[in-house]
PDB file of all heavy atoms in Angstrom:
ATOM      1  N   VAL A   1       0.766  -4.603  -4.500  1.00  0.00           N
ATOM      2  CA  VAL A   1       2.106  -5.281  -4.582  1.00  0.00           C
ATOM      3  C   VAL A   1       2.822  -4.726  -5.755  1.00  0.00           C
ATOM      4  O   VAL A   1       4.007  -4.362  -5.651  1.00  0.00           O
ATOM      5  CB  VAL A   1       2.045  -6.845  -4.558  1.00  0.00           C
ATOM      6  CG1 VAL A   1       3.302  -7.453  -4.905  1.00  0.00           C
ATOM      7  CG2 VAL A   1       1.480  -7.321  -3.263  1.00  0.00           C
ATOM      8  N   GLN A   2       2.164  -4.733  -6.893  1.00  0.00           N
ATOM      9  CA  GLN A   2       2.857  -4.209  -8.111  1.00  0.00           C
ATOM     10  C   GLN A   2       3.312  -2.788  -7.967  1.00  0.00           C
ATOM     11  O   GLN A   2       4.399  -2.405  -8.284  1.00  0.00           O
ATOM     12  CB  GLN A   2       1.914  -4.300  -9.357  1.00  0.00           C
ATOM     13  CG  GLN A   2       1.714  -5.721  -9.765  1.00  0.00           C
ATOM     14  CD  GLN A   2       0.742  -5.832 -10.924  1.00  0.00           C
ATOM     15  OE1 GLN A   2      -0.129  -4.993 -11.111  1.00  0.00           O
ATOM     16  NE2 GLN A   2       0.846  -6.939 -11.736  1.00  0.00           N
ATOM     17  N   ALA A   3       2.481  -1.915  -7.477  1.00  0.00           N
ATOM     18  CA  ALA A   3       2.762  -0.558  -7.326  1.00  0.00           C
ATOM     19  C   ALA A   3       3.992  -0.316  -6.374  1.00  0.00           C
ATOM     20  O   ALA A   3       4.972   0.402  -6.593  1.00  0.00           O
ATOM     21  CB  ALA A   3       1.637   0.297  -6.824  1.00  0.00           C
ATOM     22  N   LEU A   4       3.925  -1.002  -5.190  1.00  0.00           N
ATOM     23  CA  LEU A   4       5.080  -0.892  -4.236  1.00  0.00           C
ATOM     24  C   LEU A   4       6.352  -1.445  -4.797  1.00  0.00           C
ATOM     25  O   LEU A   4       7.408  -0.971  -4.597  1.00  0.00           O
ATOM     26  CB  LEU A   4       4.736  -1.697  -2.982  1.00  0.00           C
ATOM     27  CG  LEU A   4       3.623  -1.008  -2.200  1.00  0.00           C
ATOM     28  CD1 LEU A   4       3.182  -1.879  -0.976  1.00  0.00           C
ATOM     29  CD2 LEU A   4       3.937   0.355  -1.647  1.00  0.00           C
ATOM     30  N   ALA A   5       6.263  -2.563  -5.553  1.00  0.00           N
ATOM     31  CA  ALA A   5       7.501  -3.156  -6.245  1.00  0.00           C
ATOM     32  C   ALA A   5       8.127  -2.252  -7.202  1.00  0.00           C
ATOM     33  O   ALA A   5       9.303  -2.231  -7.403  1.00  0.00           O
ATOM     34  CB  ALA A   5       7.155  -4.516  -6.913  1.00  0.00           C
ATOM     35  N   CYS A   6       7.262  -1.384  -7.734  1.00  0.00           N
ATOM     36  CA  CYS A   6       7.794  -0.371  -8.764  1.00  0.00           C
ATOM     37  C   CYS A   6       8.135   1.023  -8.130  1.00  0.00           C
ATOM     38  O   CYS A   6       8.234   1.993  -8.713  1.00  0.00           O
ATOM     39  CB  CYS A   6       6.702  -0.136  -9.903  1.00  0.00           C
ATOM     40  SG  CYS A   6       6.467  -1.550 -10.861  1.00  0.00           S
ATOM     41  N   PHE A   7       8.337   0.886  -6.813  1.00  0.00           N
ATOM     42  CA  PHE A   7       8.901   2.086  -6.000  1.00  0.00           C
ATOM     43  C   PHE A   7       7.818   3.231  -5.754  1.00  0.00           C
ATOM     44  O   PHE A   7       8.238   4.319  -5.391  1.00  0.00           O
ATOM     45  CB  PHE A   7      10.139   2.604  -6.544  1.00  0.00           C
ATOM     46  CG  PHE A   7      11.273   1.576  -6.520  1.00  0.00           C
ATOM     47  CD1 PHE A   7      11.594   0.905  -7.651  1.00  0.00           C
ATOM     48  CD2 PHE A   7      11.982   1.459  -5.361  1.00  0.00           C
ATOM     49  CE1 PHE A   7      12.675   0.044  -7.592  1.00  0.00           C
ATOM     50  CE2 PHE A   7      13.076   0.525  -5.343  1.00  0.00           C
ATOM     51  CZ  PHE A   7      13.295  -0.203  -6.404  1.00  0.00           C
ATOM     52  N   ASP A   8       6.509   3.032  -6.106  1.00  0.00           N
ATOM     53  CA  ASP A   8       5.563   3.933  -5.637  1.00  0.00           C
ATOM     54  C   ASP A   8       5.523   4.017  -4.098  1.00  0.00           C
ATOM     55  O   ASP A   8       5.607   3.003  -3.389  1.00  0.00           O
ATOM     56  CB  ASP A   8       4.068   3.555  -6.181  1.00  0.00           C
ATOM     57  CG  ASP A   8       4.008   3.737  -7.616  1.00  0.00           C
ATOM     58  OD1 ASP A   8       4.898   4.381  -8.322  1.00  0.00           O
ATOM     59  OD2 ASP A   8       2.924   3.325  -8.167  1.00  0.00           O
ATOM     60  N   SER A   9       5.255   5.161  -3.581  1.00  0.00           N
ATOM     61  CA  SER A   9       5.273   5.345  -2.128  1.00  0.00           C
ATOM     62  C   SER A   9       3.910   4.740  -1.529  1.00  0.00           C
ATOM     63  O   SER A   9       2.897   4.711  -2.217  1.00  0.00           O
ATOM     64  CB  SER A   9       5.435   6.801  -1.679  1.00  0.00           C
ATOM     65  OG  SER A   9       4.243   7.507  -1.992  1.00  0.00           O
ATOM     66  N   PRO A  10       3.883   4.341  -0.228  1.00  0.00           N
ATOM     67  CA  PRO A  10       2.615   3.845   0.277  1.00  0.00           C
ATOM     68  C   PRO A  10       1.523   4.874   0.172  1.00  0.00           C
ATOM     69  O   PRO A  10       0.341   4.480  -0.043  1.00  0.00           O
ATOM     70  CB  PRO A  10       3.054   3.557   1.719  1.00  0.00           C
ATOM     71  CG  PRO A  10       4.437   3.197   1.727  1.00  0.00           C
ATOM     72  CD  PRO A  10       5.065   4.144   0.602  1.00  0.00           C
ATOM     73  N   SER A  11       1.769   6.139   0.341  1.00  0.00           N
ATOM     74  CA  SER A  11       0.672   7.137   0.263  1.00  0.00           C
ATOM     75  C   SER A  11       0.199   7.330  -1.102  1.00  0.00           C
ATOM     76  O   SER A  11      -0.993   7.509  -1.372  1.00  0.00           O
ATOM     77  CB  SER A  11       1.216   8.516   0.786  1.00  0.00           C
ATOM     78  OG  SER A  11       2.296   9.003   0.073  1.00  0.00           O
ATOM     79  N   VAL A  12       1.050   7.242  -2.127  1.00  0.00           N
ATOM     80  CA  VAL A  12       0.656   7.224  -3.551  1.00  0.00           C
ATOM     81  C   VAL A  12      -0.176   5.944  -3.907  1.00  0.00           C
ATOM     82  O   VAL A  12      -1.218   6.045  -4.618  1.00  0.00           O
ATOM     83  CB  VAL A  12       1.870   7.323  -4.447  1.00  0.00           C
ATOM     84  CG1 VAL A  12       1.514   7.036  -5.892  1.00  0.00           C
ATOM     85  CG2 VAL A  12       2.515   8.749  -4.341  1.00  0.00           C
ATOM     86  N   VAL A  13       0.253   4.862  -3.474  1.00  0.00           N
ATOM     87  CA  VAL A  13      -0.507   3.572  -3.620  1.00  0.00           C
ATOM     88  C   VAL A  13      -1.910   3.685  -3.036  1.00  0.00           C
ATOM     89  O   VAL A  13      -2.899   3.203  -3.601  1.00  0.00           O
ATOM     90  CB  VAL A  13       0.258   2.358  -3.090  1.00  0.00           C
ATOM     91  CG1 VAL A  13      -0.556   1.111  -3.197  1.00  0.00           C
ATOM     92  CG2 VAL A  13       1.573   2.272  -3.873  1.00  0.00           C
ATOM     93  N   ALA A  14      -2.011   4.221  -1.759  1.00  0.00           N
ATOM     94  CA  ALA A  14      -3.222   4.362  -1.133  1.00  0.00           C
ATOM     95  C   ALA A  14      -4.253   5.217  -1.880  1.00  0.00           C
ATOM     96  O   ALA A  14      -5.377   4.889  -2.048  1.00  0.00           O
ATOM     97  CB  ALA A  14      -3.143   4.820   0.351  1.00  0.00           C
ATOM     98  N   ALA A  15      -3.758   6.302  -2.303  1.00  0.00           N
ATOM     99  CA  ALA A  15      -4.463   7.164  -3.093  1.00  0.00           C
ATOM    100  C   ALA A  15      -4.924   6.561  -4.395  1.00  0.00           C
ATOM    101  O   ALA A  15      -6.171   6.728  -4.884  1.00  0.00           O
ATOM    102  CB  ALA A  15      -3.777   8.521  -3.464  1.00  0.00           C
ATOM    103  N   ALA A  16      -4.038   5.791  -5.071  1.00  0.00           N
ATOM    104  CA  ALA A  16      -4.480   5.154  -6.356  1.00  0.00           C
ATOM    105  C   ALA A  16      -5.473   4.062  -6.183  1.00  0.00           C
ATOM    106  O   ALA A  16      -6.343   3.909  -6.979  1.00  0.00           O
ATOM    107  CB  ALA A  16      -3.134   4.610  -7.019  1.00  0.00           C
ATOM    108  N   VAL A  17      -5.326   3.239  -5.101  1.00  0.00           N
ATOM    109  CA  VAL A  17      -6.338   2.295  -4.781  1.00  0.00           C
ATOM    110  C   VAL A  17      -7.690   2.894  -4.484  1.00  0.00           C
ATOM    111  O   VAL A  17      -8.690   2.377  -4.930  1.00  0.00           O
ATOM    112  CB  VAL A  17      -5.838   1.454  -3.620  1.00  0.00           C
ATOM    113  CG1 VAL A  17      -6.939   0.516  -2.971  1.00  0.00           C
ATOM    114  CG2 VAL A  17      -4.569   0.593  -3.850  1.00  0.00           C
ATOM    115  N   LYS A  18      -7.686   3.944  -3.796  1.00  0.00           N
ATOM    116  CA  LYS A  18      -8.999   4.761  -3.522  1.00  0.00           C
ATOM    117  C   LYS A  18      -9.585   5.176  -4.929  1.00  0.00           C
ATOM    118  O   LYS A  18     -10.798   4.970  -5.033  1.00  0.00           O
ATOM    119  CB  LYS A  18      -8.728   5.932  -2.635  1.00  0.00           C
ATOM    120  CG  LYS A  18      -9.906   6.831  -2.431  1.00  0.00           C
ATOM    121  CD  LYS A  18     -10.953   6.129  -1.517  1.00  0.00           C
ATOM    122  CE  LYS A  18     -12.009   7.167  -1.267  1.00  0.00           C
ATOM    123  NZ  LYS A  18     -13.220   6.556  -0.632  1.00  0.00           N
ATOM    124  N   LYS A  19      -8.817   5.650  -5.717  1.00  0.00           N
ATOM    125  CA  LYS A  19      -9.289   6.129  -7.062  1.00  0.00           C
ATOM    126  C   LYS A  19      -9.746   4.982  -7.943  1.00  0.00           C
ATOM    127  O   LYS A  19     -10.752   5.031  -8.510  1.00  0.00           O
ATOM    128  CB  LYS A  19      -8.196   6.972  -7.744  1.00  0.00           C
ATOM    129  CG  LYS A  19      -8.692   7.486  -9.122  1.00  0.00           C
ATOM    130  CD  LYS A  19      -7.537   8.413  -9.721  1.00  0.00           C
ATOM    131  CE  LYS A  19      -8.023   8.962 -11.064  1.00  0.00           C
ATOM    132  NZ  LYS A  19      -6.981   9.665 -11.733  1.00  0.00           N
ATOM    133  N   GLU A  20      -8.878   3.874  -8.066  1.00  0.00           N
ATOM    134  CA  GLU A  20      -9.165   2.810  -8.935  1.00  0.00           C
ATOM    135  C   GLU A  20     -10.238   1.827  -8.555  1.00  0.00           C
ATOM    136  O   GLU A  20     -11.030   1.359  -9.262  1.00  0.00           O
ATOM    137  CB  GLU A  20      -7.897   2.056  -9.203  1.00  0.00           C
ATOM    138  CG  GLU A  20      -6.772   2.821  -9.991  1.00  0.00           C
ATOM    139  CD  GLU A  20      -7.142   3.016 -11.464  1.00  0.00           C
ATOM    140  OE1 GLU A  20      -7.736   2.177 -12.129  1.00  0.00           O
ATOM    141  OE2 GLU A  20      -6.776   4.222 -11.877  1.00  0.00           O
ATOM    142  N   PHE A  21     -10.250   1.658  -7.222  1.00  0.00           N
ATOM    143  CA  PHE A  21     -11.170   0.604  -6.678  1.00  0.00           C
ATOM    144  C   PHE A  21     -12.232   1.089  -5.650  1.00  0.00           C
ATOM    145  O   PHE A  21     -13.000   0.423  -5.290  1.00  0.00           O
ATOM    146  CB  PHE A  21     -10.354  -0.565  -6.057  1.00  0.00           C
ATOM    147  CG  PHE A  21      -9.361  -1.174  -6.955  1.00  0.00           C
ATOM    148  CD1 PHE A  21      -8.068  -0.888  -6.951  1.00  0.00           C
ATOM    149  CD2 PHE A  21      -9.762  -2.211  -7.685  1.00  0.00           C
ATOM    150  CE1 PHE A  21      -7.155  -1.439  -7.756  1.00  0.00           C
ATOM    151  CE2 PHE A  21      -8.776  -2.805  -8.623  1.00  0.00           C
ATOM    152  CZ  PHE A  21      -7.596  -2.442  -8.678  1.00  0.00           C
ATOM    153  N   GLY A  22     -12.063   2.367  -5.250  1.00  0.00           N
ATOM    154  CA  GLY A  22     -12.982   2.948  -4.336  1.00  0.00           C
ATOM    155  C   GLY A  22     -12.858   2.370  -2.876  1.00  0.00           C
ATOM    156  O   GLY A  22     -13.738   2.276  -2.075  1.00  0.00           O
ATOM    157  N   VAL A  23     -11.667   1.819  -2.629  1.00  0.00           N
ATOM    158  CA  VAL A  23     -11.337   1.200  -1.328  1.00  0.00           C
ATOM    159  C   VAL A  23     -10.307   2.080  -0.599  1.00  0.00           C
ATOM    160  O   VAL A  23      -9.278   2.453  -1.102  1.00  0.00           O
ATOM    161  CB  VAL A  23     -10.777  -0.176  -1.632  1.00  0.00           C
ATOM    162  CG1 VAL A  23     -10.299  -0.908  -0.265  1.00  0.00           C
ATOM    163  CG2 VAL A  23     -11.672  -1.055  -2.378  1.00  0.00           C
ATOM    164  N   ASP A  24     -10.715   2.327   0.728  1.00  0.00           N
ATOM    165  CA  ASP A  24      -9.632   3.071   1.560  1.00  0.00           C
ATOM    166  C   ASP A  24      -8.692   2.010   2.192  1.00  0.00           C
ATOM    167  O   ASP A  24      -9.110   1.160   2.780  1.00  0.00           O
ATOM    168  CB  ASP A  24     -10.409   3.730   2.674  1.00  0.00           C
ATOM    169  CG  ASP A  24     -11.137   4.992   2.146  1.00  0.00           C
ATOM    170  OD1 ASP A  24     -10.546   5.827   1.395  1.00  0.00           O
ATOM    171  OD2 ASP A  24     -12.315   5.253   2.628  1.00  0.00           O
ATOM    172  N   VAL A  25      -7.396   2.278   1.882  1.00  0.00           N
ATOM    173  CA  VAL A  25      -6.382   1.604   2.552  1.00  0.00           C
ATOM    174  C   VAL A  25      -5.468   2.537   3.202  1.00  0.00           C
ATOM    175  O   VAL A  25      -5.369   3.715   2.782  1.00  0.00           O
ATOM    176  CB  VAL A  25      -5.547   0.581   1.514  1.00  0.00           C
ATOM    177  CG1 VAL A  25      -6.403  -0.458   1.041  1.00  0.00           C
ATOM    178  CG2 VAL A  25      -4.940   1.390   0.489  1.00  0.00           C
ATOM    179  N   SER A  26      -4.868   2.204   4.233  1.00  0.00           N
ATOM    180  CA  SER A  26      -3.907   3.058   5.019  1.00  0.00           C
ATOM    181  C   SER A  26      -2.773   2.179   5.410  1.00  0.00           C
ATOM    182  O   SER A  26      -2.845   0.969   5.436  1.00  0.00           O
ATOM    183  CB  SER A  26      -4.551   3.675   6.089  1.00  0.00           C
ATOM    184  OG  SER A  26      -4.936   2.846   7.104  1.00  0.00           O
ATOM    185  N   HIS A  27      -1.691   2.821   5.675  1.00  0.00           N
ATOM    186  CA  HIS A  27      -0.540   2.181   6.225  1.00  0.00           C
ATOM    187  C   HIS A  27      -0.114   2.921   7.506  1.00  0.00           C
ATOM    188  O   HIS A  27      -0.379   4.073   7.755  1.00  0.00           O
ATOM    189  CB  HIS A  27       0.725   2.098   5.266  1.00  0.00           C
ATOM    190  CG  HIS A  27       1.251   3.529   5.063  1.00  0.00           C
ATOM    191  ND1 HIS A  27       0.703   4.528   4.363  1.00  0.00           N
ATOM    192  CD2 HIS A  27       2.416   4.002   5.510  1.00  0.00           C
ATOM    193  CE1 HIS A  27       1.436   5.584   4.474  1.00  0.00           C
ATOM    194  NE2 HIS A  27       2.528   5.323   5.075  1.00  0.00           N
ATOM    195  N   ASP A  28       0.411   2.118   8.402  1.00  0.00           N
ATOM    196  CA  ASP A  28       0.956   2.568   9.784  1.00  0.00           C
ATOM    197  C   ASP A  28       2.393   2.623   9.654  1.00  0.00           C
ATOM    198  O   ASP A  28       3.057   1.536   9.657  1.00  0.00           O
ATOM    199  CB  ASP A  28       0.428   1.770  10.878  1.00  0.00           C
ATOM    200  CG  ASP A  28       0.807   2.306  12.246  1.00  0.00           C
ATOM    201  OD1 ASP A  28       1.666   3.181  12.296  1.00  0.00           O
ATOM    202  OD2 ASP A  28       0.314   1.792  13.207  1.00  0.00           O
ATOM    203  N   PRO A  29       2.997   3.801   9.556  1.00  0.00           N
ATOM    204  CA  PRO A  29       4.478   3.953   9.403  1.00  0.00           C
ATOM    205  C   PRO A  29       5.275   3.350  10.636  1.00  0.00           C
ATOM    206  O   PRO A  29       6.374   3.179  10.621  1.00  0.00           O
ATOM    207  CB  PRO A  29       4.751   5.449   9.248  1.00  0.00           C
ATOM    208  CG  PRO A  29       3.525   6.082   9.727  1.00  0.00           C
ATOM    209  CD  PRO A  29       2.383   5.085   9.598  1.00  0.00           C
ATOM    210  N   ASN A  30       4.534   3.088  11.734  1.00  0.00           N
ATOM    211  CA  ASN A  30       5.135   2.571  12.897  1.00  0.00           C
ATOM    212  C   ASN A  30       5.187   1.025  12.894  1.00  0.00           C
ATOM    213  O   ASN A  30       5.742   0.403  13.843  1.00  0.00           O
ATOM    214  CB  ASN A  30       4.389   3.050  14.189  1.00  0.00           C
ATOM    215  CG  ASN A  30       4.488   4.486  14.290  1.00  0.00           C
ATOM    216  OD1 ASN A  30       5.548   5.069  14.155  1.00  0.00           O
ATOM    217  ND2 ASN A  30       3.335   5.152  14.664  1.00  0.00           N
ATOM    218  N   LYS A  31       4.509   0.364  11.899  1.00  0.00           N
ATOM    219  CA  LYS A  31       4.511  -1.153  11.868  1.00  0.00           C
ATOM    220  C   LYS A  31       5.563  -1.535  10.844  1.00  0.00           C
ATOM    221  O   LYS A  31       5.896  -0.894   9.933  1.00  0.00           O
ATOM    222  CB  LYS A  31       3.175  -1.558  11.478  1.00  0.00           C
ATOM    223  CG  LYS A  31       2.121  -1.484  12.394  1.00  0.00           C
ATOM    224  CD  LYS A  31       0.835  -2.123  11.883  1.00  0.00           C
ATOM    225  CE  LYS A  31      -0.273  -2.019  12.964  1.00  0.00           C
ATOM    226  NZ  LYS A  31      -1.449  -2.698  12.571  1.00  0.00           N
ATOM    227  N   LYS A  32       6.141  -2.726  11.140  1.00  0.00           N
ATOM    228  CA  LYS A  32       7.047  -3.345  10.128  1.00  0.00           C
ATOM    229  C   LYS A  32       6.258  -3.668   8.985  1.00  0.00           C
ATOM    230  O   LYS A  32       5.288  -4.472   8.930  1.00  0.00           O
ATOM    231  CB  LYS A  32       7.732  -4.580  10.793  1.00  0.00           C
ATOM    232  CG  LYS A  32       8.796  -5.131   9.855  1.00  0.00           C
ATOM    233  CD  LYS A  32       9.366  -6.441  10.513  1.00  0.00           C
ATOM    234  CE  LYS A  32      10.356  -6.984   9.574  1.00  0.00           C
ATOM    235  NZ  LYS A  32      10.880  -8.252   9.999  1.00  0.00           N
ATOM    236  N   ALA A  33       6.593  -3.124   7.833  1.00  0.00           N
ATOM    237  CA  ALA A  33       5.850  -3.258   6.538  1.00  0.00           C
ATOM    238  C   ALA A  33       5.508  -4.631   6.141  1.00  0.00           C
ATOM    239  O   ALA A  33       4.445  -4.939   5.585  1.00  0.00           O
ATOM    240  CB  ALA A  33       6.555  -2.464   5.394  1.00  0.00           C
ATOM    241  N   ALA A  34       6.485  -5.566   6.105  1.00  0.00           N
ATOM    242  CA  ALA A  34       6.245  -6.839   5.634  1.00  0.00           C
ATOM    243  C   ALA A  34       5.854  -7.963   6.659  1.00  0.00           C
ATOM    244  O   ALA A  34       5.690  -9.126   6.343  1.00  0.00           O
ATOM    245  CB  ALA A  34       7.559  -7.442   4.939  1.00  0.00           C
ATOM    246  N   SER A  35       5.460  -7.492   7.832  1.00  0.00           N
ATOM    247  CA  SER A  35       5.104  -8.508   8.899  1.00  0.00           C
ATOM    248  C   SER A  35       3.702  -9.094   8.419  1.00  0.00           C
ATOM    249  O   SER A  35       2.757  -8.342   8.178  1.00  0.00           O
ATOM    250  CB  SER A  35       5.114  -7.923  10.253  1.00  0.00           C
ATOM    251  OG  SER A  35       4.065  -6.968  10.347  1.00  0.00           O
ATOM    252  N   GLY A  36       3.581 -10.413   8.487  1.00  0.00           N
ATOM    253  CA  GLY A  36       2.382 -10.994   8.250  1.00  0.00           C
ATOM    254  C   GLY A  36       2.006 -11.187   6.763  1.00  0.00           C
ATOM    255  O   GLY A  36       0.788 -11.541   6.469  1.00  0.00           O
ATOM    256  N   ILE A  37       2.889 -10.859   5.850  1.00  0.00           N
ATOM    257  CA  ILE A  37       2.547 -10.963   4.479  1.00  0.00           C
ATOM    258  C   ILE A  37       2.717 -12.350   4.018  1.00  0.00           C
ATOM    259  O   ILE A  37       3.755 -13.031   4.280  1.00  0.00           O
ATOM    260  CB  ILE A  37       3.566 -10.006   3.652  1.00  0.00           C
ATOM    261  CG1 ILE A  37       3.437  -8.595   4.111  1.00  0.00           C
ATOM    262  CG2 ILE A  37       3.255 -10.145   2.167  1.00  0.00           C
ATOM    263  CD1 ILE A  37       2.230  -7.887   3.828  1.00  0.00           C
ATOM    264  N   ALA A  38       1.720 -12.861   3.278  1.00  0.00           N
ATOM    265  CA  ALA A  38       1.723 -14.232   2.768  1.00  0.00           C
ATOM    266  C   ALA A  38       2.931 -14.383   1.780  1.00  0.00           C
ATOM    267  O   ALA A  38       3.238 -13.485   1.024  1.00  0.00           O
ATOM    268  CB  ALA A  38       0.472 -14.541   2.095  1.00  0.00           C
ATOM    269  N   PRO A  39       3.541 -15.672   1.765  1.00  0.00           N
ATOM    270  CA  PRO A  39       4.656 -15.812   0.880  1.00  0.00           C
ATOM    271  C   PRO A  39       4.338 -15.644  -0.555  1.00  0.00           C
ATOM    272  O   PRO A  39       5.214 -15.257  -1.291  1.00  0.00           O
ATOM    273  CB  PRO A  39       4.857 -17.422   1.181  1.00  0.00           C
ATOM    274  CG  PRO A  39       4.410 -17.684   2.541  1.00  0.00           C
ATOM    275  CD  PRO A  39       3.239 -16.753   2.711  1.00  0.00           C
TER     276      PRO A  39
END
């Protein structure tokens, strides 16, 4: 959330999460980005 709020791109954020936490995250550019996000 912090990275995206600071205008990092989703691909940059995914790479940083992989490097920092060892977790693979991906985004689907065909999905609405904020759907299902907790308040």
